[in-house]
Amino acid sequence: MNEQQQQKLDEILKKHEYKSNLVIAIMQDVQKEYHYLPEEALCYIAK
C-alpha cells in the first residue's frame, strides 16, 4: 500500500472516529473509493 492510499484510509477512519462498531460503514466507504475491498485495506482497517 502506498502512502497516498494509506492517507485515504486514514481519512475514512477519521471520518468514522476510528470506532470499531462502524466497521461496515468504513468498509462501504473503502469500497466506494476503490470499487472493491483491497486486502491491504482490510488488514489496515483491522488494526
PDB file of N, CA and C in Angstrom:
ATOM      1  N   MET A   1       0.857  -1.165   0.000  1.00  0.00           N
ATOM      2  CA  MET A   1       0.000   0.000   0.000  1.00  0.00           C
ATOM      3  C   MET A   1       0.906   1.232   0.000  1.00  0.00           C
ATOM      4  N   ASN A   2       0.607   2.155  -0.887  1.00  0.00           N
ATOM      5  CA  ASN A   2       1.438   3.355  -0.931  1.00  0.00           C
ATOM      6  C   ASN A   2       0.933   4.409   0.056  1.00  0.00           C
ATOM      7  N   GLU A   3       1.700   5.455   0.201  1.00  0.00           N
ATOM      8  CA  GLU A   3       1.394   6.490   1.192  1.00  0.00           C
ATOM      9  C   GLU A   3       0.064   7.181   0.899  1.00  0.00           C
ATOM     10  N   GLN A   4      -0.236   7.400  -0.374  1.00  0.00           N
ATOM     11  CA  GLN A   4      -1.487   8.063  -0.753  1.00  0.00           C
ATOM     12  C   GLN A   4      -2.695   7.205  -0.363  1.00  0.00           C
ATOM     13  N   GLN A   5      -2.598   5.903  -0.589  1.00  0.00           N
ATOM     14  CA  GLN A   5      -3.683   5.000  -0.211  1.00  0.00           C
ATOM     15  C   GLN A   5      -3.855   4.971   1.304  1.00  0.00           C
ATOM     16  N   GLN A   6      -2.737   4.970   2.018  1.00  0.00           N
ATOM     17  CA  GLN A   6      -2.797   4.959   3.474  1.00  0.00           C
ATOM     18  C   GLN A   6      -3.435   6.247   3.992  1.00  0.00           C
ATOM     19  N   GLN A   7      -3.119   7.373   3.384  1.00  0.00           N
ATOM     20  CA  GLN A   7      -3.725   8.642   3.788  1.00  0.00           C
ATOM     21  C   GLN A   7      -5.230   8.614   3.564  1.00  0.00           C
ATOM     22  N   LYS A   8      -5.667   8.065   2.436  1.00  0.00           N
ATOM     23  CA  LYS A   8      -7.098   7.987   2.146  1.00  0.00           C
ATOM     24  C   LYS A   8      -7.798   7.111   3.172  1.00  0.00           C
ATOM     25  N   LEU A   9      -7.186   5.992   3.526  1.00  0.00           N
ATOM     26  CA  LEU A   9      -7.771   5.126   4.552  1.00  0.00           C
ATOM     27  C   LEU A   9      -7.830   5.833   5.895  1.00  0.00           C
ATOM     28  N   ASP A  10      -6.793   6.584   6.226  1.00  0.00           N
ATOM     29  CA  ASP A  10      -6.798   7.345   7.478  1.00  0.00           C
ATOM     30  C   ASP A  10      -7.927   8.370   7.492  1.00  0.00           C
ATOM     31  N   GLU A  11      -8.185   9.003   6.353  1.00  0.00           N
ATOM     32  CA  GLU A  11      -9.293   9.965   6.257  1.00  0.00           C
ATOM     33  C   GLU A  11     -10.633   9.273   6.506  1.00  0.00           C
ATOM     34  N   ILE A  12     -10.801   8.108   5.912  1.00  0.00           N
ATOM     35  CA  ILE A  12     -12.045   7.352   6.096  1.00  0.00           C
ATOM     36  C   ILE A  12     -12.196   6.936   7.558  1.00  0.00           C
ATOM     37  N   LEU A  13     -11.119   6.432   8.154  1.00  0.00           N
ATOM     38  CA  LEU A  13     -11.174   6.024   9.560  1.00  0.00           C
ATOM     39  C   LEU A  13     -11.463   7.213  10.469  1.00  0.00           C
ATOM     40  N   LYS A  14     -10.846   8.341  10.185  1.00  0.00           N
ATOM     41  CA  LYS A  14     -11.072   9.541  10.991  1.00  0.00           C
ATOM     42  C   LYS A  14     -12.525   9.993  10.879  1.00  0.00           C
ATOM     43  N   LYS A  15     -13.079   9.922   9.674  1.00  0.00           N
ATOM     44  CA  LYS A  15     -14.483  10.295   9.438  1.00  0.00           C
ATOM     45  C   LYS A  15     -15.404   9.496  10.362  1.00  0.00           C
ATOM     46  N   HIS A  16     -15.049   8.248  10.599  1.00  0.00           N
ATOM     47  CA  HIS A  16     -15.856   7.364  11.442  1.00  0.00           C
ATOM     48  C   HIS A  16     -15.304   7.276  12.867  1.00  0.00           C
ATOM     49  N   GLU A  17     -14.418   8.209  13.202  1.00  0.00           N
ATOM     50  CA  GLU A  17     -13.856   8.344  14.552  1.00  0.00           C
ATOM     51  C   GLU A  17     -13.192   7.061  15.053  1.00  0.00           C
ATOM     52  N   TYR A  18     -12.650   6.265  14.133  1.00  0.00           N
ATOM     53  CA  TYR A  18     -11.919   5.035  14.478  1.00  0.00           C
ATOM     54  C   TYR A  18     -12.751   4.059  15.321  1.00  0.00           C
ATOM     55  N   LYS A  19     -14.074   4.141  15.225  1.00  0.00           N
ATOM     56  CA  LYS A  19     -14.949   3.289  16.038  1.00  0.00           C
ATOM     57  C   LYS A  19     -15.109   1.911  15.392  1.00  0.00           C
ATOM     58  N   SER A  20     -14.799   0.889  16.166  1.00  0.00           N
ATOM     59  CA  SER A  20     -14.862  -0.478  15.631  1.00  0.00           C
ATOM     60  C   SER A  20     -16.295  -0.906  15.319  1.00  0.00           C
ATOM     61  N   ASN A  21     -17.272  -0.305  15.993  1.00  0.00           N
ATOM     62  CA  ASN A  21     -18.654  -0.682  15.710  1.00  0.00           C
ATOM     63  C   ASN A  21     -19.148  -0.107  14.379  1.00  0.00           C
ATOM     64  N   LEU A  22     -18.340   0.725  13.730  1.00  0.00           N
ATOM     65  CA  LEU A  22     -18.699   1.293  12.430  1.00  0.00           C
ATOM     66  C   LEU A  22     -17.915   0.638  11.290  1.00  0.00           C
ATOM     67  N   VAL A  23     -17.413  -0.562  11.534  1.00  0.00           N
ATOM     68  CA  VAL A  23     -16.551  -1.222  10.547  1.00  0.00           C
ATOM     69  C   VAL A  23     -17.270  -1.446   9.211  1.00  0.00           C
ATOM     70  N   ILE A  24     -18.559  -1.717   9.232  1.00  0.00           N
ATOM     71  CA  ILE A  24     -19.295  -1.915   7.976  1.00  0.00           C
ATOM     72  C   ILE A  24     -19.340  -0.609   7.189  1.00  0.00           C
ATOM     73  N   ALA A  25     -19.630   0.493   7.849  1.00  0.00           N
ATOM     74  CA  ALA A  25     -19.657   1.799   7.182  1.00  0.00           C
ATOM     75  C   ALA A  25     -18.275   2.161   6.648  1.00  0.00           C
ATOM     76  N   ILE A  26     -17.245   1.834   7.403  1.00  0.00           N
ATOM     77  CA  ILE A  26     -15.866   2.090   6.964  1.00  0.00           C
ATOM     78  C   ILE A  26     -15.575   1.282   5.699  1.00  0.00           C
ATOM     79  N   MET A  27     -15.936   0.007   5.717  1.00  0.00           N
ATOM     80  CA  MET A  27     -15.693  -0.841   4.549  1.00  0.00           C
ATOM     81  C   MET A  27     -16.508  -0.372   3.345  1.00  0.00           C
ATOM     82  N   GLN A  28     -17.707   0.130   3.572  1.00  0.00           N
ATOM     83  CA  GLN A  28     -18.510   0.663   2.469  1.00  0.00           C
ATOM     84  C   GLN A  28     -17.831   1.878   1.843  1.00  0.00           C
ATOM     85  N   ASP A  29     -17.262   2.743   2.670  1.00  0.00           N
ATOM     86  CA  ASP A  29     -16.548   3.912   2.146  1.00  0.00           C
ATOM     87  C   ASP A  29     -15.297   3.497   1.373  1.00  0.00           C
ATOM     88  N   VAL A  30     -14.601   2.490   1.874  1.00  0.00           N
ATOM     89  CA  VAL A  30     -13.420   1.987   1.165  1.00  0.00           C
ATOM     90  C   VAL A  30     -13.846   1.421  -0.187  1.00  0.00           C
ATOM     91  N   GLN A  31     -14.919   0.665  -0.199  1.00  0.00           N
ATOM     92  CA  GLN A  31     -15.397   0.086  -1.453  1.00  0.00           C
ATOM     93  C   GLN A  31     -15.839   1.182  -2.422  1.00  0.00           C
ATOM     94  N   LYS A  32     -16.458   2.223  -1.906  1.00  0.00           N
ATOM     95  CA  LYS A  32     -16.874   3.346  -2.747  1.00  0.00           C
ATOM     96  C   LYS A  32     -15.656   4.024  -3.378  1.00  0.00           C
ATOM     97  N   GLU A  33     -14.577   4.115  -2.626  1.00  0.00           N
ATOM     98  CA  GLU A  33     -13.354   4.766  -3.100  1.00  0.00           C
ATOM     99  C   GLU A  33     -12.618   3.924  -4.142  1.00  0.00           C
ATOM    100  N   TYR A  34     -12.486   2.629  -3.890  1.00  0.00           N
ATOM    101  CA  TYR A  34     -11.661   1.763  -4.737  1.00  0.00           C
ATOM    102  C   TYR A  34     -12.464   0.835  -5.655  1.00  0.00           C
ATOM    103  N   HIS A  35     -13.780   0.791  -5.481  1.00  0.00           N
ATOM    104  CA  HIS A  35     -14.672  -0.081  -6.255  1.00  0.00           C
ATOM    105  C   HIS A  35     -14.458  -1.563  -5.950  1.00  0.00           C
ATOM    106  N   TYR A  36     -13.737  -1.840  -4.897  1.00  0.00           N
ATOM    107  CA  TYR A  36     -13.583  -3.196  -4.355  1.00  0.00           C
ATOM    108  C   TYR A  36     -12.921  -3.037  -2.994  1.00  0.00           C
ATOM    109  N   LEU A  37     -12.741  -4.131  -2.272  1.00  0.00           N
ATOM    110  CA  LEU A  37     -12.105  -4.077  -0.956  1.00  0.00           C
ATOM    111  C   LEU A  37     -10.711  -4.698  -1.054  1.00  0.00           C
ATOM    112  N   PRO A  38      -9.693  -3.849  -1.205  1.00  0.00           N
ATOM    113  CA  PRO A  38      -8.327  -4.379  -1.292  1.00  0.00           C
ATOM    114  C   PRO A  38      -7.926  -5.088   0.004  1.00  0.00           C
ATOM    115  N   GLU A  39      -7.238  -6.199  -0.134  1.00  0.00           N
ATOM    116  CA  GLU A  39      -6.798  -6.962   1.038  1.00  0.00           C
ATOM    117  C   GLU A  39      -5.946  -6.101   1.969  1.00  0.00           C
ATOM    118  N   GLU A  40      -5.073  -5.275   1.394  1.00  0.00           N
ATOM    119  CA  GLU A  40      -4.213  -4.409   2.212  1.00  0.00           C
ATOM    120  C   GLU A  40      -5.053  -3.430   3.036  1.00  0.00           C
ATOM    121  N   ALA A  41      -6.130  -2.938   2.443  1.00  0.00           N
ATOM    122  CA  ALA A  41      -7.006  -2.001   3.149  1.00  0.00           C
ATOM    123  C   ALA A  41      -7.709  -2.698   4.310  1.00  0.00           C
ATOM    124  N   LEU A  42      -8.165  -3.918   4.078  1.00  0.00           N
ATOM    125  CA  LEU A  42      -8.840  -4.659   5.146  1.00  0.00           C
ATOM    126  C   LEU A  42      -7.892  -4.934   6.308  1.00  0.00           C
ATOM    127  N   CYS A  43      -6.663  -5.285   6.002  1.00  0.00           N
ATOM    128  CA  CYS A  43      -5.668  -5.516   7.058  1.00  0.00           C
ATOM    129  C   CYS A  43      -5.395  -4.225   7.821  1.00  0.00           C
ATOM    130  N   TYR A  44      -5.314  -3.123   7.111  1.00  0.00           N
ATOM    131  CA  TYR A  44      -5.051  -1.825   7.744  1.00  0.00           C
ATOM    132  C   TYR A  44      -6.216  -1.425   8.651  1.00  0.00           C
ATOM    133  N   ILE A  45      -7.431  -1.607   8.175  1.00  0.00           N
ATOM    134  CA  ILE A  45      -8.626  -1.276   8.963  1.00  0.00           C
ATOM    135  C   ILE A  45      -8.698  -2.153  10.215  1.00  0.00           C
ATOM    136  N   ALA A  46      -8.329  -3.414  10.076  1.00  0.00           N
ATOM    137  CA  ALA A  46      -8.411  -4.353  11.196  1.00  0.00           C
ATOM    138  C   ALA A  46      -7.517  -3.952  12.363  1.00  0.00           C
ATOM    139  N   LYS A  47      -6.450  -3.223  12.071  1.00  0.00           N
ATOM    140  CA  LYS A  47      -5.538  -2.799  13.135  1.00  0.00           C
ATOM    141  C   LYS A  47      -6.155  -1.668  13.880  1.00  0.00           C
TER     142      LYS A  47
END
